[in-house]
Amino acid sequence: LRKRRRGSTVLHACEERRTLFAPLCVSVDGLMGKECTKFIQRLADSRSLTWHRDYSTTINWICMRLLFAIIRATILCLRGSCTNWRSVNISDGLPLDFIMS
């Protein structure tokens, strides 16, 4: 019931903005949810026509890219970043002058 109520509020907000909401639910085994599968199929169909490739090649490429992106994001959340975060390249000093004024 809670999931349905939340889904209806999200869909209502998306309809106001004329956008599409497709939750990308993926299990630990790599199985995708129903909405995610439909979204990827539609994306692969349009991309295969644009790229002049086979549908099977395109959908496999999209699935692999998506799954590797999820793996990278999960590892980053669990382990944290290896590099220090750098905000602005201040070699010429211009951003610093802009911030200080």
N, C-alpha and C. Protein backbone atom coordinates (compact mmCIF):
# COMPACT_ATOMS: atom_id res chain seq x y z
N LEU A 1 0.83 -1.20 0.00
CA LEU A 1 0.00 0.00 0.00
C LEU A 1 0.87 1.25 0.00
N ARG A 2 1.91 1.24 0.83
CA ARG A 2 2.79 2.40 0.91
C ARG A 2 3.52 2.62 -0.41
N LYS A 3 3.95 1.52 -1.03
CA LYS A 3 4.66 1.61 -2.31
C LYS A 3 3.73 2.18 -3.39
N ARG A 4 2.48 1.73 -3.39
CA ARG A 4 1.52 2.23 -4.37
C ARG A 4 1.24 3.71 -4.17
N ARG A 5 1.10 4.13 -2.89
CA ARG A 5 0.83 5.53 -2.59
C ARG A 5 2.00 6.41 -3.01
N ARG A 6 3.22 5.95 -2.71
CA ARG A 6 4.41 6.70 -3.09
C ARG A 6 4.55 6.75 -4.61
N GLY A 7 4.26 5.64 -5.26
CA GLY A 7 4.34 5.59 -6.71
C GLY A 7 3.36 6.54 -7.37
N SER A 8 2.17 6.66 -6.80
CA SER A 8 1.18 7.57 -7.39
C SER A 8 1.60 9.02 -7.21
N THR A 9 2.21 9.37 -6.08
CA THR A 9 2.67 10.75 -5.90
C THR A 9 3.82 11.06 -6.84
N VAL A 10 4.71 10.10 -7.04
CA VAL A 10 5.83 10.31 -7.97
C VAL A 10 5.31 10.46 -9.39
N LEU A 11 4.38 9.59 -9.78
CA LEU A 11 3.82 9.67 -11.13
C LEU A 11 3.06 10.98 -11.35
N HIS A 12 2.37 11.45 -10.31
CA HIS A 12 1.65 12.71 -10.42
C HIS A 12 2.62 13.87 -10.63
N ALA A 13 3.73 13.87 -9.89
CA ALA A 13 4.74 14.91 -10.05
C ALA A 13 5.39 14.84 -11.44
N CYS A 14 5.59 13.63 -11.93
CA CYS A 14 6.18 13.47 -13.27
C CYS A 14 5.22 13.93 -14.36
N GLU A 15 3.93 13.67 -14.18
CA GLU A 15 2.95 14.11 -15.16
C GLU A 15 2.89 15.63 -15.24
N GLU A 16 3.05 16.30 -14.09
CA GLU A 16 3.05 17.77 -14.10
C GLU A 16 4.23 18.31 -14.90
N ARG A 17 5.35 17.63 -14.82
CA ARG A 17 6.55 18.08 -15.53
C ARG A 17 6.69 17.46 -16.92
N ARG A 18 5.74 16.61 -17.28
CA ARG A 18 5.75 15.90 -18.57
C ARG A 18 7.04 15.10 -18.75
N THR A 19 7.38 14.35 -17.73
CA THR A 19 8.58 13.52 -17.77
C THR A 19 8.20 12.07 -17.52
N LEU A 20 9.19 11.20 -17.59
CA LEU A 20 9.00 9.77 -17.38
C LEU A 20 9.79 9.34 -16.15
N PHE A 21 9.18 8.54 -15.30
CA PHE A 21 9.87 8.01 -14.13
C PHE A 21 9.93 6.49 -14.27
N ALA A 22 11.14 5.97 -14.32
CA ALA A 22 11.33 4.52 -14.39
C ALA A 22 12.33 4.12 -13.32
N PRO A 23 11.87 3.50 -12.22
CA PRO A 23 12.81 3.10 -11.18
C PRO A 23 13.74 1.99 -11.68
N LEU A 24 15.01 2.18 -11.48
CA LEU A 24 16.00 1.19 -11.92
C LEU A 24 16.29 0.24 -10.76
N CYS A 25 15.41 -0.72 -10.57
CA CYS A 25 15.56 -1.71 -9.50
C CYS A 25 16.32 -2.91 -10.04
N VAL A 26 17.45 -3.22 -9.39
CA VAL A 26 18.28 -4.35 -9.80
C VAL A 26 18.58 -5.17 -8.56
N SER A 27 18.43 -6.50 -8.65
CA SER A 27 18.70 -7.36 -7.51
C SER A 27 20.19 -7.61 -7.37
N VAL A 28 20.57 -8.28 -6.31
CA VAL A 28 21.97 -8.61 -6.06
C VAL A 28 22.51 -9.51 -7.17
N ASP A 29 21.66 -10.35 -7.74
CA ASP A 29 22.07 -11.26 -8.80
C ASP A 29 22.13 -10.59 -10.17
N GLY A 30 21.72 -9.34 -10.27
CA GLY A 30 21.74 -8.63 -11.54
C GLY A 30 20.43 -8.69 -12.30
N LEU A 31 19.38 -9.23 -11.67
CA LEU A 31 18.07 -9.28 -12.32
C LEU A 31 17.40 -7.92 -12.19
N MET A 32 16.83 -7.44 -13.28
CA MET A 32 16.23 -6.12 -13.29
C MET A 32 14.73 -6.20 -13.07
N GLY A 33 14.19 -5.14 -12.47
CA GLY A 33 12.76 -5.06 -12.24
C GLY A 33 11.99 -4.87 -13.53
N LYS A 34 10.66 -4.95 -13.42
CA LYS A 34 9.81 -4.88 -14.60
C LYS A 34 9.92 -3.51 -15.29
N GLU A 35 9.87 -2.42 -14.50
CA GLU A 35 9.94 -1.09 -15.09
C GLU A 35 11.30 -0.83 -15.70
N CYS A 36 12.34 -1.31 -15.05
CA CYS A 36 13.71 -1.14 -15.56
C CYS A 36 13.88 -1.88 -16.88
N THR A 37 13.36 -3.08 -16.95
CA THR A 37 13.47 -3.88 -18.18
C THR A 37 12.74 -3.20 -19.34
N LYS A 38 11.54 -2.70 -19.07
CA LYS A 38 10.78 -2.02 -20.13
C LYS A 38 11.52 -0.77 -20.60
N PHE A 39 12.09 -0.01 -19.65
CA PHE A 39 12.82 1.21 -20.01
C PHE A 39 14.03 0.88 -20.88
N ILE A 40 14.77 -0.15 -20.50
CA ILE A 40 15.97 -0.53 -21.26
C ILE A 40 15.59 -1.04 -22.64
N GLN A 41 14.49 -1.77 -22.74
CA GLN A 41 14.04 -2.24 -24.05
C GLN A 41 13.67 -1.08 -24.97
N ARG A 42 12.96 -0.09 -24.43
CA ARG A 42 12.61 1.09 -25.24
C ARG A 42 13.85 1.86 -25.65
N LEU A 43 14.78 2.02 -24.71
CA LEU A 43 16.02 2.73 -25.00
C LEU A 43 16.83 2.00 -26.07
N ALA A 44 16.93 0.69 -25.94
CA ALA A 44 17.69 -0.10 -26.91
C ALA A 44 17.04 -0.07 -28.29
N ASP A 45 15.72 -0.06 -28.31
CA ASP A 45 15.02 0.00 -29.60
C ASP A 45 15.33 1.30 -30.33
N SER A 46 15.25 2.42 -29.61
CA SER A 46 15.53 3.71 -30.27
C SER A 46 17.00 3.86 -30.61
N ARG A 47 17.90 3.39 -29.73
CA ARG A 47 19.34 3.52 -29.99
C ARG A 47 19.78 2.61 -31.13
N SER A 48 19.19 1.44 -31.25
CA SER A 48 19.61 0.54 -32.33
C SER A 48 19.27 1.13 -33.70
N LEU A 49 18.15 1.84 -33.77
CA LEU A 49 17.81 2.51 -35.03
C LEU A 49 18.75 3.68 -35.31
N THR A 50 19.09 4.42 -34.26
CA THR A 50 19.97 5.58 -34.43
C THR A 50 21.39 5.16 -34.78
N TRP A 51 21.88 4.13 -34.11
CA TRP A 51 23.27 3.70 -34.29
C TRP A 51 23.44 2.71 -35.44
N HIS A 52 22.34 2.27 -36.06
CA HIS A 52 22.37 1.28 -37.14
C HIS A 52 23.06 -0.01 -36.70
N ARG A 53 22.67 -0.50 -35.53
CA ARG A 53 23.19 -1.75 -34.97
C ARG A 53 22.04 -2.71 -34.73
N ASP A 54 22.38 -3.97 -34.49
CA ASP A 54 21.36 -4.96 -34.13
C ASP A 54 20.79 -4.62 -32.76
N TYR A 55 19.51 -4.99 -32.58
CA TYR A 55 18.84 -4.76 -31.31
C TYR A 55 19.53 -5.53 -30.19
N SER A 56 19.91 -6.78 -30.46
CA SER A 56 20.53 -7.62 -29.42
C SER A 56 21.87 -7.05 -28.98
N THR A 57 22.66 -6.55 -29.92
CA THR A 57 23.94 -5.95 -29.58
C THR A 57 23.74 -4.70 -28.74
N THR A 58 22.77 -3.88 -29.12
CA THR A 58 22.51 -2.63 -28.41
C THR A 58 22.00 -2.88 -27.00
N ILE A 59 21.06 -3.81 -26.83
CA ILE A 59 20.51 -4.04 -25.50
C ILE A 59 21.55 -4.67 -24.58
N ASN A 60 22.40 -5.54 -25.12
CA ASN A 60 23.48 -6.10 -24.31
C ASN A 60 24.47 -5.03 -23.88
N TRP A 61 24.79 -4.11 -24.77
CA TRP A 61 25.72 -3.03 -24.45
C TRP A 61 25.13 -2.13 -23.36
N ILE A 62 23.84 -1.78 -23.49
CA ILE A 62 23.20 -0.92 -22.49
C ILE A 62 23.14 -1.61 -21.14
N CYS A 63 22.77 -2.89 -21.12
CA CYS A 63 22.70 -3.64 -19.85
C CYS A 63 24.06 -3.72 -19.17
N MET A 64 25.09 -4.00 -19.94
CA MET A 64 26.43 -4.09 -19.35
C MET A 64 26.89 -2.74 -18.81
N ARG A 65 26.65 -1.68 -19.56
CA ARG A 65 27.04 -0.35 -19.09
C ARG A 65 26.31 0.01 -17.80
N LEU A 66 25.02 -0.30 -17.75
CA LEU A 66 24.22 0.01 -16.57
C LEU A 66 24.67 -0.81 -15.37
N LEU A 67 24.90 -2.09 -15.57
CA LEU A 67 25.31 -2.94 -14.45
C LEU A 67 26.69 -2.57 -13.94
N PHE A 68 27.63 -2.23 -14.83
CA PHE A 68 28.94 -1.79 -14.37
C PHE A 68 28.86 -0.45 -13.65
N ALA A 69 27.97 0.44 -14.08
CA ALA A 69 27.80 1.71 -13.38
C ALA A 69 27.24 1.48 -11.98
N ILE A 70 26.33 0.53 -11.84
CA ILE A 70 25.78 0.20 -10.52
C ILE A 70 26.86 -0.40 -9.64
N ILE A 71 27.69 -1.28 -10.20
CA ILE A 71 28.79 -1.88 -9.43
C ILE A 71 29.76 -0.81 -8.96
N ARG A 72 30.15 0.11 -9.87
CA ARG A 72 31.06 1.19 -9.49
C ARG A 72 30.47 2.06 -8.39
N ALA A 73 29.18 2.40 -8.50
CA ALA A 73 28.53 3.23 -7.49
C ALA A 73 28.46 2.51 -6.15
N THR A 74 28.18 1.22 -6.17
CA THR A 74 28.12 0.45 -4.93
C THR A 74 29.48 0.37 -4.26
N ILE A 75 30.52 0.11 -5.03
CA ILE A 75 31.87 0.05 -4.47
C ILE A 75 32.28 1.40 -3.91
N LEU A 76 31.93 2.47 -4.61
CA LEU A 76 32.26 3.80 -4.13
C LEU A 76 31.54 4.11 -2.82
N CYS A 77 30.29 3.68 -2.69
CA CYS A 77 29.55 3.89 -1.44
C CYS A 77 30.15 3.08 -0.30
N LEU A 78 30.54 1.85 -0.57
CA LEU A 78 31.07 0.99 0.49
C LEU A 78 32.49 1.35 0.89
N ARG A 79 33.34 1.60 -0.09
CA ARG A 79 34.76 1.81 0.16
C ARG A 79 35.10 3.28 0.32
N GLY A 80 34.42 4.14 -0.37
CA GLY A 80 34.75 5.55 -0.38
C GLY A 80 35.68 5.86 -1.53
N SER A 81 35.95 7.12 -1.71
CA SER A 81 36.78 7.55 -2.83
C SER A 81 38.26 7.41 -2.49
N CYS A 82 39.07 7.04 -3.48
CA CYS A 82 40.52 6.91 -3.28
C CYS A 82 41.21 8.26 -3.39
N THR A 83 40.64 9.17 -4.14
CA THR A 83 41.30 10.44 -4.39
C THR A 83 40.69 11.53 -3.53
N ASN A 84 41.48 12.55 -3.28
CA ASN A 84 40.97 13.71 -2.56
C ASN A 84 40.14 14.55 -3.51
N TRP A 85 39.13 15.18 -2.99
CA TRP A 85 38.26 16.01 -3.81
C TRP A 85 38.91 17.36 -4.01
N ARG A 86 38.96 17.80 -5.25
CA ARG A 86 39.51 19.11 -5.56
C ARG A 86 38.38 19.96 -6.10
N SER A 87 38.21 21.14 -5.53
CA SER A 87 37.06 21.95 -5.91
C SER A 87 37.29 22.72 -7.19
N VAL A 88 38.27 23.62 -7.21
CA VAL A 88 38.47 24.50 -8.35
C VAL A 88 39.95 24.54 -8.68
N ASN A 89 40.27 24.54 -9.95
CA ASN A 89 41.66 24.70 -10.37
C ASN A 89 42.01 26.18 -10.24
N ILE A 90 42.88 26.50 -9.28
CA ILE A 90 43.19 27.91 -9.02
C ILE A 90 44.62 28.23 -9.42
N SER A 91 45.12 27.62 -10.48
CA SER A 91 46.49 27.87 -10.90
C SER A 91 46.68 29.31 -11.38
N ASP A 92 45.65 29.88 -12.01
CA ASP A 92 45.79 31.25 -12.48
C ASP A 92 45.27 32.26 -11.46
N GLY A 93 44.59 31.82 -10.42
CA GLY A 93 44.12 32.71 -9.37
C GLY A 93 42.80 33.41 -9.66
N LEU A 94 42.27 33.28 -10.87
CA LEU A 94 41.04 33.97 -11.21
C LEU A 94 39.84 33.52 -10.38
N PRO A 95 39.61 32.23 -10.19
CA PRO A 95 38.45 31.84 -9.37
C PRO A 95 38.56 32.37 -7.95
N LEU A 96 39.78 32.43 -7.42
CA LEU A 96 39.97 32.92 -6.07
C LEU A 96 39.63 34.41 -5.99
N ASP A 97 40.03 35.18 -7.00
CA ASP A 97 39.69 36.60 -7.03
C ASP A 97 38.18 36.79 -7.11
N PHE A 98 37.52 35.94 -7.88
CA PHE A 98 36.07 36.03 -8.02
C PHE A 98 35.37 35.72 -6.70
N ILE A 99 35.87 34.72 -5.97
CA ILE A 99 35.25 34.32 -4.71
C ILE A 99 35.48 35.39 -3.65
N MET A 100 36.67 35.96 -3.60
CA MET A 100 37.01 36.92 -2.56
C MET A 100 36.34 38.28 -2.77
N SER A 101 35.92 38.61 -3.98
CA SER A 101 35.33 39.93 -4.22
C SER A 101 33.86 39.96 -3.87
